[in-house]
């Protein structure tokens, strides 16, 4: 730079910093694999079309969009919009016999108090 302008490198840097501060620099790193529209399509497939799992969503989208995306990426998108995996609450296995026993116990203890 010194040969072209006759100014030192520090002067050139200082002038560039003050006069070209509004110029956008390209962001470093890898670009996104999925666009916002692709993420919306994932969510739409999962919610509206009742695709049961993220694995099936990825396979469905490989066929429709043509993008090969891993399952972890789909999980990340779903967690971002608070649709992460949840476990069903366990329900007690109540047979007819257990229901009768439970009802008879409740009837027998219906008149009891905390002090008893």
N, C-alpha and C. Protein backbone atom coordinates (compact mmCIF):
# COMPACT_ATOMS: atom_id res chain seq x y z
N UNK A 1 0.81 -1.20 0.00
CA UNK A 1 0.00 0.00 0.00
C UNK A 1 0.86 1.26 0.00
N UNK A 2 1.97 1.19 0.68
CA UNK A 2 2.81 2.39 0.76
C UNK A 2 3.29 2.83 -0.62
N UNK A 3 3.60 1.86 -1.50
CA UNK A 3 4.08 2.22 -2.82
C UNK A 3 3.00 2.88 -3.66
N UNK A 4 1.76 2.43 -3.52
CA UNK A 4 0.66 2.97 -4.33
C UNK A 4 0.21 4.35 -3.85
N UNK A 5 0.08 4.51 -2.54
CA UNK A 5 -0.51 5.75 -2.01
C UNK A 5 0.52 6.72 -1.46
N UNK A 6 1.64 6.22 -1.04
CA UNK A 6 2.63 7.08 -0.39
C UNK A 6 2.33 7.29 1.08
N UNK A 7 1.32 6.56 1.60
CA UNK A 7 0.95 6.65 3.02
C UNK A 7 1.32 5.35 3.72
N UNK A 8 1.49 5.44 5.03
CA UNK A 8 1.83 4.23 5.79
C UNK A 8 0.59 3.34 5.92
N UNK A 9 0.85 2.09 6.29
CA UNK A 9 -0.25 1.13 6.45
C UNK A 9 -1.22 1.58 7.54
N UNK A 10 -0.71 2.11 8.64
CA UNK A 10 -1.58 2.55 9.73
C UNK A 10 -2.49 3.69 9.28
N UNK A 11 -1.98 4.61 8.49
CA UNK A 11 -2.80 5.72 7.99
C UNK A 11 -3.90 5.20 7.07
N UNK A 12 -3.57 4.25 6.23
CA UNK A 12 -4.56 3.67 5.32
C UNK A 12 -5.65 2.95 6.13
N UNK A 13 -5.25 2.19 7.13
CA UNK A 13 -6.23 1.49 7.97
C UNK A 13 -7.14 2.47 8.69
N UNK A 14 -6.56 3.53 9.25
CA UNK A 14 -7.34 4.52 9.98
C UNK A 14 -8.36 5.20 9.05
N UNK A 15 -7.92 5.58 7.86
CA UNK A 15 -8.83 6.22 6.90
C UNK A 15 -9.93 5.26 6.44
N UNK A 16 -9.58 4.01 6.21
CA UNK A 16 -10.58 3.02 5.82
C UNK A 16 -11.60 2.82 6.93
N UNK A 17 -11.13 2.81 8.16
CA UNK A 17 -12.01 2.60 9.31
C UNK A 17 -13.01 3.74 9.45
N UNK A 18 -12.57 4.97 9.23
CA UNK A 18 -13.47 6.11 9.40
C UNK A 18 -14.40 6.30 8.22
N UNK A 19 -13.94 6.07 7.01
CA UNK A 19 -14.75 6.39 5.83
C UNK A 19 -15.55 5.21 5.29
N UNK A 20 -15.16 4.01 5.59
CA UNK A 20 -15.88 2.84 5.08
C UNK A 20 -16.50 2.03 6.20
N UNK A 21 -16.94 2.69 7.25
CA UNK A 21 -17.50 1.96 8.39
C UNK A 21 -18.87 1.38 8.07
N UNK A 22 -19.58 1.96 7.10
CA UNK A 22 -20.93 1.47 6.79
C UNK A 22 -20.93 0.29 5.82
N UNK A 23 -19.79 -0.06 5.27
CA UNK A 23 -19.72 -1.16 4.32
C UNK A 23 -19.87 -2.47 5.09
N UNK A 24 -20.78 -3.32 4.62
CA UNK A 24 -21.03 -4.59 5.30
C UNK A 24 -19.94 -5.60 4.95
N UNK A 25 -19.42 -6.25 5.97
CA UNK A 25 -18.46 -7.32 5.75
C UNK A 25 -19.23 -8.63 5.66
N UNK A 26 -18.76 -9.55 4.85
CA UNK A 26 -19.44 -10.85 4.82
C UNK A 26 -19.18 -11.59 6.13
N UNK A 27 -20.22 -12.24 6.63
CA UNK A 27 -20.07 -13.00 7.86
C UNK A 27 -19.25 -14.25 7.59
N UNK A 28 -18.42 -14.61 8.54
CA UNK A 28 -17.63 -15.81 8.39
C UNK A 28 -18.45 -17.04 8.74
N UNK A 29 -17.90 -18.18 8.46
CA UNK A 29 -18.55 -19.42 8.83
C UNK A 29 -19.38 -20.00 7.70
N UNK A 30 -19.97 -21.13 8.02
CA UNK A 30 -20.75 -21.85 7.03
C UNK A 30 -22.14 -21.24 6.90
N UNK A 31 -22.67 -21.22 5.70
CA UNK A 31 -24.01 -20.69 5.50
C UNK A 31 -25.04 -21.70 5.98
N UNK A 32 -26.26 -21.22 6.23
CA UNK A 32 -27.31 -22.09 6.75
C UNK A 32 -27.71 -23.12 5.70
N UNK A 33 -27.98 -24.32 6.19
CA UNK A 33 -28.42 -25.38 5.30
C UNK A 33 -29.88 -25.17 4.94
N UNK A 34 -30.68 -24.78 5.93
CA UNK A 34 -32.11 -24.59 5.72
C UNK A 34 -32.47 -23.11 5.75
N UNK A 35 -33.30 -22.70 4.84
CA UNK A 35 -33.80 -21.33 4.88
C UNK A 35 -34.98 -21.28 5.84
N UNK A 36 -35.48 -20.09 6.09
CA UNK A 36 -36.64 -19.94 6.97
C UNK A 36 -37.86 -20.62 6.36
N UNK A 37 -37.97 -20.57 5.04
CA UNK A 37 -39.10 -21.23 4.36
C UNK A 37 -39.02 -22.75 4.53
N UNK A 38 -37.81 -23.30 4.47
CA UNK A 38 -37.64 -24.74 4.67
C UNK A 38 -38.02 -25.13 6.09
N UNK A 39 -37.62 -24.33 7.07
CA UNK A 39 -37.97 -24.62 8.46
C UNK A 39 -39.48 -24.56 8.64
N UNK A 40 -40.11 -23.58 8.01
CA UNK A 40 -41.57 -23.47 8.10
C UNK A 40 -42.23 -24.70 7.48
N UNK A 41 -41.66 -25.20 6.39
CA UNK A 41 -42.19 -26.39 5.73
C UNK A 41 -42.07 -27.61 6.64
N UNK A 42 -40.95 -27.72 7.35
CA UNK A 42 -40.78 -28.80 8.33
C UNK A 42 -41.91 -28.79 9.34
N UNK A 43 -42.12 -27.62 9.93
CA UNK A 43 -43.12 -27.49 10.98
C UNK A 43 -44.50 -27.78 10.42
N UNK A 44 -44.78 -27.28 9.23
CA UNK A 44 -46.08 -27.50 8.60
C UNK A 44 -46.31 -28.99 8.36
N UNK A 45 -45.30 -29.69 7.89
CA UNK A 45 -45.43 -31.13 7.65
C UNK A 45 -45.72 -31.87 8.95
N UNK A 46 -45.05 -31.45 10.00
CA UNK A 46 -45.20 -32.15 11.27
C UNK A 46 -46.56 -31.90 11.89
N UNK A 47 -47.03 -30.64 11.83
CA UNK A 47 -48.28 -30.29 12.51
C UNK A 47 -49.50 -30.60 11.65
N UNK A 48 -49.52 -30.09 10.43
CA UNK A 48 -50.72 -30.18 9.60
C UNK A 48 -50.89 -31.55 8.95
N UNK A 49 -49.82 -32.12 8.44
CA UNK A 49 -49.94 -33.37 7.71
C UNK A 49 -49.76 -34.59 8.59
N UNK A 50 -49.63 -34.37 9.87
CA UNK A 50 -49.57 -35.45 10.86
C UNK A 50 -48.48 -36.48 10.56
N UNK A 51 -47.32 -36.00 10.16
CA UNK A 51 -46.18 -36.90 10.02
C UNK A 51 -45.73 -37.21 11.44
N UNK A 52 -45.63 -38.49 11.81
CA UNK A 52 -45.48 -38.83 13.23
C UNK A 52 -44.16 -38.49 13.88
N UNK A 53 -43.07 -38.43 13.14
CA UNK A 53 -41.78 -38.23 13.80
C UNK A 53 -40.86 -37.38 12.93
N UNK A 54 -39.80 -36.91 13.56
CA UNK A 54 -38.82 -36.09 12.85
C UNK A 54 -38.08 -36.91 11.79
N UNK A 55 -37.91 -38.19 12.03
CA UNK A 55 -37.23 -39.05 11.06
C UNK A 55 -38.04 -39.11 9.77
N UNK A 56 -39.36 -39.28 9.92
CA UNK A 56 -40.20 -39.35 8.72
C UNK A 56 -40.31 -38.00 8.04
N UNK A 57 -40.22 -36.92 8.82
CA UNK A 57 -40.23 -35.58 8.22
C UNK A 57 -39.00 -35.41 7.35
N UNK A 58 -37.83 -35.85 7.82
CA UNK A 58 -36.61 -35.70 7.03
C UNK A 58 -36.69 -36.51 5.73
N UNK A 59 -37.23 -37.72 5.81
CA UNK A 59 -37.35 -38.54 4.60
C UNK A 59 -38.34 -37.93 3.63
N UNK A 60 -39.43 -37.40 4.17
CA UNK A 60 -40.44 -36.76 3.33
C UNK A 60 -39.86 -35.55 2.62
N UNK A 61 -39.06 -34.77 3.34
CA UNK A 61 -38.51 -33.56 2.76
C UNK A 61 -37.37 -33.83 1.80
N UNK A 62 -36.67 -34.93 2.01
CA UNK A 62 -35.65 -35.30 1.03
C UNK A 62 -36.30 -35.54 -0.33
N UNK A 63 -37.49 -36.14 -0.31
CA UNK A 63 -38.19 -36.42 -1.56
C UNK A 63 -38.78 -35.15 -2.17
N UNK A 64 -39.33 -34.24 -1.33
CA UNK A 64 -40.03 -33.06 -1.84
C UNK A 64 -39.08 -31.92 -2.17
N UNK A 65 -38.20 -31.57 -1.24
CA UNK A 65 -37.33 -30.41 -1.44
C UNK A 65 -36.03 -30.81 -2.11
N UNK A 66 -35.54 -32.00 -1.79
CA UNK A 66 -34.28 -32.45 -2.37
C UNK A 66 -33.08 -32.09 -1.52
N UNK A 67 -33.30 -31.61 -0.29
CA UNK A 67 -32.19 -31.28 0.59
C UNK A 67 -31.97 -32.44 1.55
N UNK A 68 -30.73 -32.85 1.65
CA UNK A 68 -30.38 -33.93 2.56
C UNK A 68 -29.99 -33.31 3.89
N UNK A 69 -30.89 -33.38 4.86
CA UNK A 69 -30.68 -32.76 6.16
C UNK A 69 -30.74 -33.85 7.21
N UNK A 70 -29.88 -33.75 8.20
CA UNK A 70 -29.85 -34.75 9.26
C UNK A 70 -31.00 -34.59 10.23
N UNK A 71 -31.24 -35.64 10.99
CA UNK A 71 -32.33 -35.65 11.95
C UNK A 71 -32.08 -34.65 13.07
N UNK A 72 -30.81 -34.49 13.46
CA UNK A 72 -30.49 -33.54 14.53
C UNK A 72 -30.87 -32.12 14.13
N UNK A 73 -30.72 -31.79 12.87
CA UNK A 73 -31.09 -30.44 12.41
C UNK A 73 -32.60 -30.24 12.54
N UNK A 74 -33.37 -31.28 12.23
CA UNK A 74 -34.83 -31.19 12.36
C UNK A 74 -35.21 -31.05 13.83
N UNK A 75 -34.54 -31.80 14.70
CA UNK A 75 -34.80 -31.69 16.14
C UNK A 75 -34.52 -30.27 16.62
N UNK A 76 -33.44 -29.69 16.12
CA UNK A 76 -33.07 -28.33 16.52
C UNK A 76 -34.13 -27.33 16.10
N UNK A 77 -34.64 -27.49 14.89
CA UNK A 77 -35.70 -26.60 14.39
C UNK A 77 -36.95 -26.74 15.24
N UNK A 78 -37.30 -27.96 15.58
CA UNK A 78 -38.51 -28.20 16.37
C UNK A 78 -38.37 -27.68 17.79
N UNK A 79 -37.17 -27.83 18.36
CA UNK A 79 -36.96 -27.29 19.71
C UNK A 79 -36.99 -25.78 19.70
N UNK A 80 -36.54 -25.18 18.59
CA UNK A 80 -36.54 -23.72 18.49
C UNK A 80 -37.95 -23.17 18.56
N UNK A 81 -38.92 -23.90 18.02
CA UNK A 81 -40.30 -23.43 18.08
C UNK A 81 -41.08 -24.15 19.18
N UNK A 82 -40.38 -24.77 20.11
CA UNK A 82 -40.93 -25.43 21.29
C UNK A 82 -41.86 -26.57 20.90
N UNK A 83 -41.40 -27.42 20.02
CA UNK A 83 -42.12 -28.64 19.70
C UNK A 83 -41.22 -29.85 19.93
N UNK A 84 -40.44 -29.80 20.99
CA UNK A 84 -39.53 -30.90 21.26
C UNK A 84 -40.28 -32.16 21.65
N UNK A 85 -39.56 -33.25 21.73
CA UNK A 85 -40.18 -34.52 22.08
C UNK A 85 -40.61 -34.51 23.54
N UNK A 86 -41.78 -35.01 23.78
CA UNK A 86 -42.28 -35.14 25.14
C UNK A 86 -42.76 -36.57 25.35
N UNK A 87 -42.64 -37.04 26.57
CA UNK A 87 -43.11 -38.38 26.88
C UNK A 87 -44.54 -38.31 27.34
N UNK A 88 -45.29 -39.34 26.99
CA UNK A 88 -46.67 -39.41 27.45
C UNK A 88 -46.66 -39.70 28.95
N UNK A 89 -47.58 -39.11 29.69
CA UNK A 89 -47.64 -39.45 31.11
C UNK A 89 -48.11 -40.89 31.29
N UNK A 90 -47.49 -41.58 32.21
CA UNK A 90 -47.85 -42.97 32.46
C UNK A 90 -49.23 -43.02 33.11
N UNK A 91 -50.05 -43.92 32.62
CA UNK A 91 -51.37 -44.10 33.19
C UNK A 91 -51.37 -45.41 33.97
N UNK A 92 -52.07 -45.43 35.07
CA UNK A 92 -52.10 -46.68 35.83
C UNK A 92 -52.86 -47.76 35.07
N UNK A 93 -52.38 -48.97 35.19
CA UNK A 93 -53.04 -50.09 34.53
C UNK A 93 -54.17 -50.57 35.44
N UNK A 94 -55.37 -50.13 35.14
CA UNK A 94 -56.51 -50.46 35.99
C UNK A 94 -57.38 -51.50 35.31
N UNK A 95 -57.38 -52.68 35.88
CA UNK A 95 -58.29 -53.71 35.41
C UNK A 95 -59.60 -53.55 36.17
N UNK A 96 -60.59 -54.32 35.82
CA UNK A 96 -61.89 -54.25 36.50
C UNK A 96 -61.73 -54.58 37.99
N UNK A 97 -60.88 -55.54 38.29
CA UNK A 97 -60.64 -55.93 39.69
C UNK A 97 -60.00 -54.78 40.47
N UNK A 98 -58.98 -54.14 39.86
CA UNK A 98 -58.32 -53.02 40.54
C UNK A 98 -59.27 -51.85 40.74
N UNK A 99 -60.15 -51.61 39.78
CA UNK A 99 -61.12 -50.52 39.92
C UNK A 99 -62.06 -50.80 41.08
N UNK A 100 -62.55 -52.06 41.18
CA UNK A 100 -63.44 -52.41 42.30
C UNK A 100 -62.73 -52.27 43.64
N UNK A 101 -61.47 -52.74 43.72
CA UNK A 101 -60.72 -52.63 44.97
C UNK A 101 -60.49 -51.17 45.35
N UNK A 102 -60.17 -50.35 44.38
CA UNK A 102 -59.93 -48.93 44.65
C UNK A 102 -61.21 -48.24 45.11
N UNK A 103 -62.33 -48.55 44.46
CA UNK A 103 -63.61 -47.96 44.83
C UNK A 103 -64.01 -48.38 46.23
N UNK A 104 -63.85 -49.66 46.56
CA UNK A 104 -64.22 -50.12 47.91
C UNK A 104 -63.32 -49.47 48.97
N UNK A 105 -62.03 -49.27 48.66
CA UNK A 105 -61.13 -48.61 49.60
C UNK A 105 -61.55 -47.16 49.81
N UNK A 106 -61.92 -46.48 48.73
CA UNK A 106 -62.35 -45.08 48.84
C UNK A 106 -63.63 -44.95 49.65
N UNK A 107 -64.56 -45.87 49.43
CA UNK A 107 -65.82 -45.83 50.18
C UNK A 107 -65.56 -46.11 51.65
N UNK A 108 -64.68 -47.05 51.94
CA UNK A 108 -64.37 -47.39 53.33
C UNK A 108 -63.67 -46.25 54.05
N UNK A 109 -62.88 -45.46 53.35
CA UNK A 109 -62.12 -44.39 53.97
C UNK A 109 -62.71 -43.00 53.72
N UNK A 110 -63.93 -42.93 53.23
CA UNK A 110 -64.51 -41.63 52.90
C UNK A 110 -64.81 -40.79 54.13
N UNK A 111 -65.06 -41.42 55.27
CA UNK A 111 -65.39 -40.67 56.48
C UNK A 111 -64.17 -40.39 57.36
N UNK A 112 -63.02 -40.82 56.96
CA UNK A 112 -61.83 -40.62 57.80
C UNK A 112 -61.29 -39.20 57.61
N UNK A 113 -60.58 -38.72 58.64
CA UNK A 113 -59.97 -37.40 58.60
C UNK A 113 -58.47 -37.54 58.74
N UNK A 114 -57.76 -36.42 58.75
CA UNK A 114 -56.31 -36.43 58.89
C UNK A 114 -55.92 -36.91 60.28
N UNK A 115 -56.74 -36.60 61.29
CA UNK A 115 -56.42 -36.97 62.67
C UNK A 115 -56.56 -38.46 62.92
N UNK A 116 -57.34 -39.17 62.12
CA UNK A 116 -57.57 -40.60 62.36
C UNK A 116 -56.37 -41.39 62.13
